[in-house]
Amino acid sequence: MIDKLNAIKDRFKEVSDLIVQPEIISDMQKYIKLNKEYKDLEPIVSKINQYIKVVNNIDEAKDILKNEDDVELKDLAKLDLEESLDLKNSLEEDVKLLLIPKDPDDSKNAVVEIRAGTGGDEASIFAGDLFRMYTKFIDSKKWKQELMDVSEGVSGGFKEIVFSVSGADVYGILKYESGVHRVQRVPQTETQGRVHTSAASVVVLPEVEDFDIELKENDIKKETYCSSGPGGQSVNTTYSAVRLTHIPTGVVAQCQDQKSQIKNYAKALKVLRSRIYEIELKKRTEEIAGQRKTMVKTGDRSDKIRTYNYPQGRVTDHRIGLTLYSLTDVVNGDINKLIEELKIAENTERLKAG
């Protein structure tokens, strides 16, 4: 294991030297790639250094116990050995987790799409509740949120809302939210107090750069139209809203949030690029899923992942069988516990697989 760890340290030193070379700095694509590798390796190397230091302490303590005659020195070495062995076991687990290959998209920003599903007006209201939940969570992380496209529901909430999130490791955290979210509660429109089940789907896509997905201008069909509000009413009379269609794949993206057509085009292009990237991402995820018996993140947007039950005040994540009786906290943005447990479950799977 030490040889493998030293090889990682050597690579870190190599990358450290490369990113300050003028020819690398002048090649933006190479620089970004190497800089990302540097940031990924830095915490691993820090933990490796701690681990190697502890291993050396163990060797020194064993050497003292074997070769020294001084009783007091041997007692100190014995105490040091016990402490170092405990620390070694703990660090070994940390290093194993850090050595699990990271999803290359984890450090990227994200594009989030929330769509009302089954349940009529109540589904739109629930989609609005999910948007509020994520907004509060994003605020707590000090991330930046930007609206891309919105279609409001007739009785409140949203038929569909698309927004981008930027910050540290956004996609790596929010990716666990992709799937169908189900709510069980008495709708505002229900007069007899019966509990209804409604649903909304959440799709989290990594925001990709120009060099991740190359889009040819000739492959994109651009349409402009007037922005509209609830029920299709016209919000403005200028053709500022933009709809883009990627002809080879049929993927569509639109944006009507800004008054400027240029800004809407840039936002729509960002969503289009992420949606096209999702096609490749899904193929890759399905291949990995085929190699495992279970998988936290399947990449299938039709999978039911979570239920929010209001009468019982509980939230259940069906992928890992976790139930929390803290519904109010969760819908107010405290989804940290859910995401941490999902991360642990996925890392456990990956350790077993690897």
Protein backbone atom coordinates (compact mmCIF):
# COMPACT_ATOMS: atom_id res chain seq x y z
CA MET A 1 0.00 0.00 0.00
CA ILE A 2 2.87 2.37 0.83
CA ASP A 3 4.20 2.05 -2.76
CA LYS A 4 0.79 3.07 -4.12
CA LEU A 5 0.62 6.04 -1.74
CA ASN A 6 4.14 7.17 -2.69
CA ALA A 7 3.15 7.00 -6.37
CA ILE A 8 0.24 9.38 -5.62
CA LYS A 9 2.62 11.74 -3.81
CA ASP A 10 4.97 11.66 -6.84
CA ARG A 11 2.09 12.51 -9.17
CA PHE A 12 1.05 15.41 -6.91
CA LYS A 13 4.59 16.81 -7.04
CA GLU A 14 4.60 16.41 -10.84
CA VAL A 15 1.27 18.26 -11.20
CA SER A 16 2.47 20.97 -8.79
CA ASP A 17 5.47 21.57 -11.05
CA LEU A 18 3.43 21.48 -14.26
CA ILE A 19 0.77 24.06 -13.34
CA VAL A 20 3.38 26.81 -12.96
CA GLN A 21 4.93 26.15 -16.39
CA PRO A 22 4.26 29.01 -18.89
CA GLU A 23 3.24 26.61 -21.70
CA ILE A 24 0.60 25.05 -19.43
CA ILE A 25 -0.71 28.40 -18.17
CA SER A 26 -1.12 29.57 -21.80
CA ASP A 27 -3.19 26.45 -22.66
CA MET A 28 -6.41 27.12 -20.72
CA GLN A 29 -7.88 23.63 -21.27
CA LYS A 30 -4.75 21.88 -19.96
CA TYR A 31 -4.39 24.35 -17.09
CA ILE A 32 -7.99 23.84 -15.90
CA LYS A 33 -7.60 20.05 -16.10
CA LEU A 34 -4.30 20.03 -14.16
CA ASN A 35 -5.52 22.57 -11.62
CA LYS A 36 -8.54 20.35 -10.92
CA GLU A 37 -6.24 17.33 -10.49
CA TYR A 38 -4.07 19.36 -8.09
CA LYS A 39 -7.11 20.31 -5.96
CA ASP A 40 -8.35 16.69 -5.97
CA LEU A 41 -4.95 15.30 -4.95
CA GLU A 42 -4.16 17.91 -2.26
CA PRO A 43 -6.42 16.51 0.54
CA ILE A 44 -5.42 12.92 -0.37
CA VAL A 45 -1.69 13.73 -0.12
CA SER A 46 -2.24 15.53 3.20
CA LYS A 47 -3.90 12.40 4.63
CA ILE A 48 -1.21 10.15 3.08
CA ASN A 49 1.52 12.20 4.80
CA GLN A 50 -0.25 11.73 8.14
CA TYR A 51 -0.59 7.99 7.48
CA ILE A 52 3.09 7.52 6.48
CA LYS A 53 4.21 9.47 9.57
CA VAL A 54 2.15 7.16 11.80
CA VAL A 55 3.53 4.04 10.05
CA ASN A 56 7.07 5.35 10.66
CA ASN A 57 6.21 5.98 14.34
CA ILE A 58 5.02 2.37 14.64
CA ASP A 59 8.26 1.06 13.11
CA GLU A 60 10.35 3.23 15.46
CA ALA A 61 8.36 2.12 18.53
CA LYS A 62 8.71 -1.55 17.57
CA ASP A 63 12.45 -1.06 17.05
CA ILE A 64 12.80 0.49 20.55
CA LEU A 65 10.83 -2.36 22.15
CA LYS A 66 13.03 -4.91 20.41
CA ASN A 67 16.48 -3.38 20.82
CA GLU A 68 16.46 -1.00 23.82
CA ASP A 69 17.12 -1.99 27.45
CA ASP A 70 15.93 1.26 29.08
CA VAL A 71 12.66 0.36 30.89
CA GLU A 72 11.31 3.93 30.92
CA LEU A 73 12.02 4.36 27.19
CA LYS A 74 10.34 1.01 26.45
CA ASP A 75 7.23 2.06 28.44
CA LEU A 76 6.98 5.28 26.42
CA ALA A 77 7.46 3.31 23.18
CA LYS A 78 4.72 0.85 24.20
CA LEU A 79 2.30 3.72 24.89
CA ASP A 80 3.24 5.39 21.59
CA LEU A 81 2.76 2.10 19.73
CA GLU A 82 -0.78 1.62 21.09
CA GLU A 83 -1.81 5.17 20.18
CA SER A 84 -0.19 4.94 16.73
CA LEU A 85 -1.86 1.60 15.92
CA ASP A 86 -5.31 3.07 16.76
CA LEU A 87 -4.58 6.15 14.67
CA LYS A 88 -3.23 3.99 11.80
CA ASN A 89 -6.51 2.04 11.56
CA SER A 90 -8.52 5.28 11.51
CA LEU A 91 -6.28 6.92 8.89
CA GLU A 92 -6.30 3.75 6.78
CA GLU A 93 -10.10 3.96 6.46
CA ASP A 94 -9.87 7.68 5.59
CA VAL A 95 -7.22 6.99 2.92
CA LYS A 96 -9.29 4.15 1.41
CA LEU A 97 -12.29 6.47 1.07
CA LEU A 98 -10.15 9.22 -0.46
CA LEU A 99 -8.66 6.75 -2.94
CA ILE A 100 -12.10 5.88 -4.35
CA PRO A 101 -12.05 7.48 -7.82
CA LYS A 102 -14.11 10.67 -7.71
CA ASP A 103 -16.87 11.32 -10.18
CA PRO A 104 -15.14 13.79 -12.54
CA ASP A 105 -18.30 15.90 -12.56
CA ASP A 106 -18.58 16.27 -8.76
CA SER A 107 -16.71 19.58 -8.63
CA LYS A 108 -18.89 21.16 -11.34
CA ASN A 109 -21.76 23.60 -10.95
CA ALA A 110 -25.25 22.24 -11.59
CA VAL A 111 -28.42 22.88 -13.57
CA VAL A 112 -31.54 21.80 -11.63
CA GLU A 113 -34.92 21.13 -13.24
CA ILE A 114 -38.08 20.61 -11.17
CA ARG A 115 -41.26 19.49 -12.97
CA ALA A 116 -44.74 18.89 -11.59
CA GLY A 117 -45.85 15.28 -12.12
CA THR A 118 -49.04 13.43 -11.24
CA GLY A 119 -51.48 15.25 -8.97
CA GLY A 120 -52.69 18.26 -10.95
CA ASP A 121 -52.50 21.64 -9.21
CA GLU A 122 -51.20 20.02 -6.01
CA ALA A 123 -48.19 18.67 -7.95
CA SER A 124 -47.35 22.21 -9.09
CA ILE A 125 -47.65 23.47 -5.50
CA PHE A 126 -45.34 20.64 -4.38
CA ALA A 127 -42.84 21.54 -7.12
CA GLY A 128 -42.87 25.04 -5.62
CA ASP A 129 -42.23 23.58 -2.15
CA LEU A 130 -39.24 21.63 -3.48
CA PHE A 131 -37.86 24.79 -5.12
CA ARG A 132 -38.21 26.63 -1.79
CA MET A 133 -36.49 23.72 0.01
CA TYR A 134 -33.52 23.79 -2.39
CA THR A 135 -33.31 27.59 -2.28
CA LYS A 136 -32.97 27.48 1.51
CA PHE A 137 -30.38 24.69 1.29
CA ILE A 138 -28.42 26.64 -1.35
CA ASP A 139 -28.49 29.76 0.85
CA SER A 140 -27.16 27.74 3.81
CA LYS A 141 -24.23 26.60 1.64
CA LYS A 142 -23.53 30.18 0.50
CA TRP A 143 -23.87 29.03 -3.13
CA LYS A 144 -25.18 31.24 -5.94
CA GLN A 145 -28.53 30.48 -7.59
CA GLU A 146 -29.74 31.83 -10.92
CA LEU A 147 -33.16 31.32 -12.52
CA MET A 148 -33.06 29.94 -16.08
CA ASP A 149 -36.68 29.23 -17.05
CA VAL A 150 -40.03 29.10 -15.28
CA SER A 151 -43.60 28.05 -16.03
CA GLU A 152 -45.90 28.90 -13.13
CA GLY A 153 -48.76 26.72 -11.94
CA VAL A 154 -52.37 27.92 -12.14
CA SER A 155 -52.93 27.59 -8.35
CA GLY A 156 -49.38 28.40 -7.28
CA GLY A 157 -46.03 26.69 -7.48
CA PHE A 158 -44.57 25.68 -10.82
CA LYS A 159 -45.35 23.40 -13.73
CA GLU A 160 -41.63 23.58 -14.40
CA ILE A 161 -38.70 25.58 -13.08
CA VAL A 162 -35.05 25.45 -14.18
CA PHE A 163 -32.19 27.12 -12.32
CA SER A 164 -28.41 26.95 -12.11
CA VAL A 165 -26.37 26.62 -8.92
CA SER A 166 -22.71 27.58 -8.64
CA GLY A 167 -20.26 27.02 -5.81
CA ALA A 168 -17.87 24.41 -4.41
CA ASP A 169 -18.69 20.77 -5.34
CA VAL A 170 -22.31 21.66 -6.15
CA TYR A 171 -23.05 18.76 -8.49
CA GLY A 172 -21.32 16.25 -6.19
CA ILE A 173 -23.78 17.21 -3.44
CA LEU A 174 -27.01 17.90 -5.36
CA LYS A 175 -26.77 14.90 -7.74
CA TYR A 176 -28.44 12.68 -5.12
CA GLU A 177 -31.67 14.69 -5.53
CA SER A 178 -32.35 13.42 -9.09
CA GLY A 179 -35.51 11.34 -9.32
CA VAL A 180 -39.21 11.42 -8.46
CA HIS A 181 -40.19 13.05 -5.16
CA ARG A 182 -43.60 12.09 -3.78
CA VAL A 183 -45.76 14.03 -1.30
CA GLN A 184 -48.62 12.66 0.82
CA ARG A 185 -50.82 15.33 2.40
CA VAL A 186 -54.24 16.98 2.35
CA PRO A 187 -54.18 19.43 -0.61
CA GLN A 188 -55.31 23.04 -0.20
CA THR A 189 -58.13 22.30 -2.66
CA GLU A 190 -59.39 19.21 -0.76
CA THR A 191 -62.66 19.92 1.12
CA GLN A 192 -63.14 16.52 2.82
CA GLY A 193 -59.72 16.28 4.47
CA ARG A 194 -58.51 13.29 2.45
CA VAL A 195 -54.80 12.66 2.02
CA HIS A 196 -53.69 12.75 -1.61
CA THR A 197 -50.45 11.59 -3.23
CA SER A 198 -48.76 13.90 -5.73
CA ALA A 199 -45.33 13.90 -7.33
CA ALA A 200 -42.69 16.11 -8.89
CA SER A 201 -39.51 15.10 -10.68
CA VAL A 202 -36.09 16.62 -10.01
CA VAL A 203 -33.24 16.41 -12.51
CA VAL A 204 -29.77 17.59 -11.52
CA LEU A 205 -27.30 17.98 -14.38
CA PRO A 206 -23.62 18.93 -14.23
CA GLU A 207 -23.05 22.32 -15.83
CA VAL A 208 -20.57 21.63 -18.61
CA GLU A 209 -17.97 23.85 -20.23
CA ASP A 210 -17.57 24.57 -23.92
CA PHE A 211 -14.77 22.05 -24.24
CA ASP A 212 -16.81 19.29 -22.48
CA ILE A 213 -19.49 19.37 -25.17
CA GLU A 214 -18.79 20.82 -28.58
CA LEU A 215 -21.94 22.27 -30.14
CA LYS A 216 -21.85 23.23 -33.81
CA GLU A 217 -23.83 26.33 -34.68
CA ASN A 218 -25.35 24.60 -37.73
CA ASP A 219 -26.78 21.88 -35.46
CA ILE A 220 -28.79 24.35 -33.36
CA LYS A 221 -32.21 25.66 -34.40
CA LYS A 222 -33.02 28.96 -32.68
CA GLU A 223 -36.58 30.26 -32.18
CA THR A 224 -37.67 33.44 -30.40
CA TYR A 225 -41.05 34.17 -28.85
CA CYS A 226 -42.76 36.44 -26.30
CA SER A 227 -42.32 35.52 -22.64
CA SER A 228 -45.49 34.23 -21.01
CA GLY A 229 -46.82 33.90 -17.48
CA PRO A 230 -49.39 31.62 -15.80
CA GLY A 231 -52.06 30.35 -18.18
CA GLY A 232 -50.06 31.50 -21.20
CA GLN A 233 -50.69 35.22 -20.64
CA SER A 234 -48.14 37.48 -22.33
CA VAL A 235 -45.62 39.08 -20.02
CA ASN A 236 -43.95 41.28 -22.61
CA THR A 237 -44.43 42.05 -26.28
CA THR A 238 -40.79 41.69 -27.37
CA TYR A 239 -39.42 38.43 -28.73
CA SER A 240 -36.89 38.04 -25.93
CA ALA A 241 -37.61 34.42 -24.98
CA VAL A 242 -35.40 31.85 -26.71
CA ARG A 243 -35.95 28.19 -27.58
CA LEU A 244 -33.02 26.12 -28.84
CA THR A 245 -33.28 22.69 -30.47
CA HIS A 246 -30.23 20.48 -31.01
CA ILE A 247 -31.12 18.92 -34.38
CA PRO A 248 -28.99 15.70 -34.13
CA THR A 249 -30.45 14.66 -30.75
CA GLY A 250 -33.79 16.52 -30.66
CA VAL A 251 -32.88 17.97 -27.24
CA VAL A 252 -34.67 21.26 -26.48
CA ALA A 253 -33.85 24.07 -24.03
CA GLN A 254 -35.51 27.42 -23.54
CA CYS A 255 -35.17 30.52 -21.40
CA GLN A 256 -37.50 33.48 -20.90
CA ASP A 257 -36.26 34.77 -17.57
CA GLN A 258 -34.35 37.80 -18.87
CA LYS A 259 -35.64 40.77 -20.87
CA SER A 260 -32.56 40.51 -23.09
CA GLN A 261 -32.66 37.94 -25.91
CA ILE A 262 -28.85 37.66 -25.77
CA LYS A 263 -28.90 36.75 -22.06
CA ASN A 264 -31.74 34.27 -22.59
CA TYR A 265 -29.79 32.68 -25.47
CA ALA A 266 -26.67 32.27 -23.28
CA LYS A 267 -28.72 30.67 -20.49
CA ALA A 268 -30.62 28.38 -22.87
CA LEU A 269 -27.31 27.29 -24.43
CA LYS A 270 -26.00 26.38 -20.97
CA VAL A 271 -29.06 24.20 -20.30
CA LEU A 272 -28.90 22.64 -23.79
CA ARG A 273 -25.25 21.71 -23.31
CA SER A 274 -26.00 20.10 -19.92
CA ARG A 275 -28.97 18.14 -21.31
CA ILE A 276 -26.91 16.75 -24.18
CA TYR A 277 -24.16 15.84 -21.72
CA GLU A 278 -26.80 14.02 -19.63
CA ILE A 279 -27.33 11.52 -22.47
CA GLU A 280 -23.69 10.41 -22.23
CA LEU A 281 -23.79 10.63 -18.44
CA LYS A 282 -26.79 8.28 -18.29
CA LYS A 283 -25.03 5.70 -20.50
CA ARG A 284 -22.00 5.80 -18.21
CA THR A 285 -24.14 5.52 -15.05
CA GLU A 286 -26.10 2.57 -16.45
CA GLU A 287 -22.86 0.74 -17.26
CA ILE A 288 -21.66 1.20 -13.67
CA ALA A 289 -25.09 0.22 -12.28
CA GLY A 290 -24.92 -3.01 -14.29
CA GLN A 291 -21.78 -3.98 -12.38
CA ARG A 292 -23.38 -3.48 -8.95
CA LYS A 293 -26.34 -5.10 -7.24
CA THR A 294 -27.53 -1.78 -5.85
CA MET A 295 -26.75 1.80 -6.63
CA VAL A 296 -27.71 5.03 -4.87
CA LYS A 297 -27.74 7.11 -8.05
CA THR A 298 -29.21 5.24 -11.02
CA GLY A 299 -29.41 8.17 -13.43
CA ASP A 300 -33.04 7.28 -14.16
CA ARG A 301 -35.21 10.36 -13.73
CA SER A 302 -38.34 8.16 -13.40
CA ASP A 303 -37.14 6.40 -10.22
CA LYS A 304 -39.17 7.20 -7.09
CA ILE A 305 -36.52 8.25 -4.57
CA ARG A 306 -38.24 10.01 -1.67
CA THR A 307 -41.61 10.43 0.06
CA TYR A 308 -42.65 13.43 2.17
CA ASN A 309 -45.52 12.30 4.42
CA TYR A 310 -47.15 15.29 6.15
CA PRO A 311 -49.70 13.47 8.41
CA GLN A 312 -46.87 11.42 9.98
CA GLY A 313 -44.27 14.21 9.81
CA ARG A 314 -41.74 11.92 8.15
CA VAL A 315 -39.43 11.83 5.14
CA THR A 316 -38.35 8.48 3.68
CA ASP A 317 -35.55 7.99 1.20
CA HIS A 318 -36.36 4.72 -0.57
CA ARG A 319 -32.86 4.14 -2.00
CA ILE A 320 -31.31 3.50 1.42
CA GLY A 321 -34.45 2.89 3.52
CA LEU A 322 -33.80 5.96 5.68
CA THR A 323 -36.74 7.57 7.50
CA LEU A 324 -36.43 10.88 9.36
CA TYR A 325 -39.21 12.27 11.55
CA SER A 326 -38.13 15.86 10.92
CA LEU A 327 -40.28 16.81 7.92
CA THR A 328 -40.53 20.49 8.89
CA ASP A 329 -36.74 20.85 9.06
CA VAL A 330 -36.25 19.02 5.75
CA VAL A 331 -38.78 21.07 3.76
CA ASN A 332 -37.13 24.18 5.24
CA GLY A 333 -33.86 23.21 3.58
CA ASP A 334 -32.14 20.98 6.12
CA ILE A 335 -31.37 18.05 3.78
CA ASN A 336 -27.77 17.58 4.99
CA LYS A 337 -28.53 14.35 6.90
CA LEU A 338 -30.18 12.77 3.84
CA ILE A 339 -27.30 13.69 1.53
CA GLU A 340 -24.61 12.56 4.00
CA GLU A 341 -26.30 9.16 4.45
CA LEU A 342 -26.62 8.76 0.67
CA LYS A 343 -22.92 9.61 0.27
CA ILE A 344 -21.95 7.02 2.89
CA ALA A 345 -24.12 4.39 1.19
CA GLU A 346 -22.59 5.10 -2.21
CA ASN A 347 -19.02 5.06 -0.85
CA THR A 348 -19.72 1.73 0.88
CA GLU A 349 -20.95 0.30 -2.44
CA ARG A 350 -17.92 1.57 -4.26
CA LEU A 351 -15.52 0.15 -1.66
CA LYS A 352 -17.19 -3.26 -2.01
CA ALA A 353 -17.02 -3.03 -5.80
CA GLY A 354 -13.40 -1.92 -5.87
